[in-house]
Amino acid sequence: ENDYSLKVYPNPFSSILNISFEIDKPANVELTLYSIDGKKIATIANGQYPAGPISITWSPKNSYQRELSSGLYLLTLQTSKIKITKLVQHRQ
């Protein structure tokens, strides 16, 4: 069983969220931020990634046109094989 070891820091985050994971073979990866009630807030990444460790730095100010409200969100990493969800907290 693959451990994609999805890590997010800092958590809670304010201006920047660092996301890291590792994949054992090239895959199409979608990283999505959802509100706690399941509404899609932002697509953080969506594309083909090579095998190995991947690091993504995401800033809500740059990617999300409105101000991201303080609160809890669900960060989902999805490939054709797996789906991992982490709870993240945003503080303004």
Protein backbone atom coordinates (compact mmCIF):
# COMPACT_ATOMS: atom_id res chain seq x y z
CA GLU A 1 0.00 0.00 0.00
CA ASN A 2 1.37 3.40 -0.98
CA ASP A 3 1.93 6.05 1.63
CA TYR A 4 1.78 9.35 -0.18
CA SER A 5 2.67 11.10 3.10
CA LEU A 6 0.69 14.28 2.48
CA LYS A 7 2.08 16.98 4.75
CA VAL A 8 0.84 20.52 5.21
CA TYR A 9 2.50 23.26 7.22
CA PRO A 10 2.08 25.58 8.91
CA ASN A 11 -1.32 24.46 10.13
CA PRO A 12 -3.09 26.76 10.99
CA PHE A 13 -1.85 28.92 8.09
CA SER A 14 -2.43 32.54 7.18
CA SER A 15 -0.62 33.79 4.08
CA ILE A 16 1.12 30.68 2.74
CA LEU A 17 0.45 26.93 2.93
CA ASN A 18 3.30 24.53 2.14
CA ILE A 19 2.13 21.19 0.78
CA SER A 20 4.38 18.19 0.24
CA PHE A 21 3.77 14.62 -0.86
CA GLU A 22 5.58 11.80 -2.60
CA ILE A 23 4.40 9.60 -5.45
CA ASP A 24 6.05 6.35 -6.50
CA LYS A 25 5.38 6.75 -10.23
CA PRO A 26 4.38 9.64 -12.50
CA ALA A 27 0.71 10.48 -12.00
CA ASN A 28 -1.92 13.08 -12.65
CA VAL A 29 -2.40 14.82 -9.32
CA GLU A 30 -5.23 17.09 -8.27
CA LEU A 31 -4.95 19.13 -5.09
CA THR A 32 -8.18 20.83 -4.13
CA LEU A 33 -9.30 22.96 -1.22
CA TYR A 34 -12.90 22.47 -0.07
CA SER A 35 -14.98 24.20 2.55
CA ILE A 36 -15.97 22.01 5.48
CA ASP A 37 -19.41 21.49 3.88
CA GLY A 38 -17.86 20.24 0.63
CA LYS A 39 -17.91 23.33 -1.60
CA LYS A 40 -14.90 23.64 -3.89
CA ILE A 41 -12.87 26.71 -2.93
CA ALA A 42 -9.75 26.43 -5.09
CA THR A 43 -7.83 24.05 -7.32
CA ILE A 44 -4.28 24.29 -5.98
CA ALA A 45 -2.71 21.91 -8.50
CA ASN A 46 -3.98 19.81 -11.37
CA GLY A 47 -1.51 18.12 -13.68
CA GLN A 48 1.08 15.47 -14.34
CA TYR A 49 3.81 15.15 -11.73
CA PRO A 50 6.98 13.02 -11.85
CA ALA A 51 7.73 10.27 -9.35
CA GLY A 52 9.40 11.40 -6.16
CA PRO A 53 8.89 14.13 -3.59
CA ILE A 54 6.77 17.12 -4.65
CA SER A 55 6.52 20.46 -2.86
CA ILE A 56 3.91 23.10 -3.61
CA THR A 57 3.61 26.51 -1.99
CA TRP A 58 0.11 27.95 -2.16
CA SER A 59 -1.00 31.45 -1.31
CA PRO A 60 -4.75 32.01 -1.05
CA LYS A 61 -4.28 35.68 -1.97
CA ASN A 62 -2.77 34.78 -5.34
CA SER A 63 -5.02 31.89 -6.30
CA TYR A 64 -8.30 32.75 -4.71
CA GLN A 65 -9.83 36.01 -5.83
CA ARG A 66 -11.85 36.74 -2.70
CA GLU A 67 -10.45 36.88 0.81
CA LEU A 68 -10.27 33.38 2.24
CA SER A 69 -12.32 33.36 5.45
CA SER A 70 -10.86 32.11 8.70
CA GLY A 71 -11.98 28.58 9.51
CA LEU A 72 -11.51 24.92 8.74
CA TYR A 73 -10.99 23.56 5.23
CA LEU A 74 -10.43 20.16 3.65
CA LEU A 75 -7.35 19.74 1.46
CA THR A 76 -7.71 16.77 -0.88
CA LEU A 77 -4.92 15.03 -2.81
CA GLN A 78 -6.32 12.82 -5.55
CA THR A 79 -4.76 10.57 -8.18
CA SER A 80 -6.36 7.79 -10.21
CA LYS A 81 -5.50 5.42 -7.35
CA ILE A 82 -5.84 7.31 -4.11
CA LYS A 83 -7.61 10.12 -2.33
CA ILE A 84 -6.21 11.65 0.87
CA THR A 85 -7.87 14.46 2.81
CA LYS A 86 -6.29 16.66 5.48
CA LEU A 87 -8.03 19.16 7.70
CA VAL A 88 -6.36 22.58 7.53
CA GLN A 89 -7.17 25.77 9.40
CA HIS A 90 -6.90 29.26 7.94
CA ARG A 91 -6.40 32.30 10.16
CA GLN A 92 -6.54 35.77 8.66
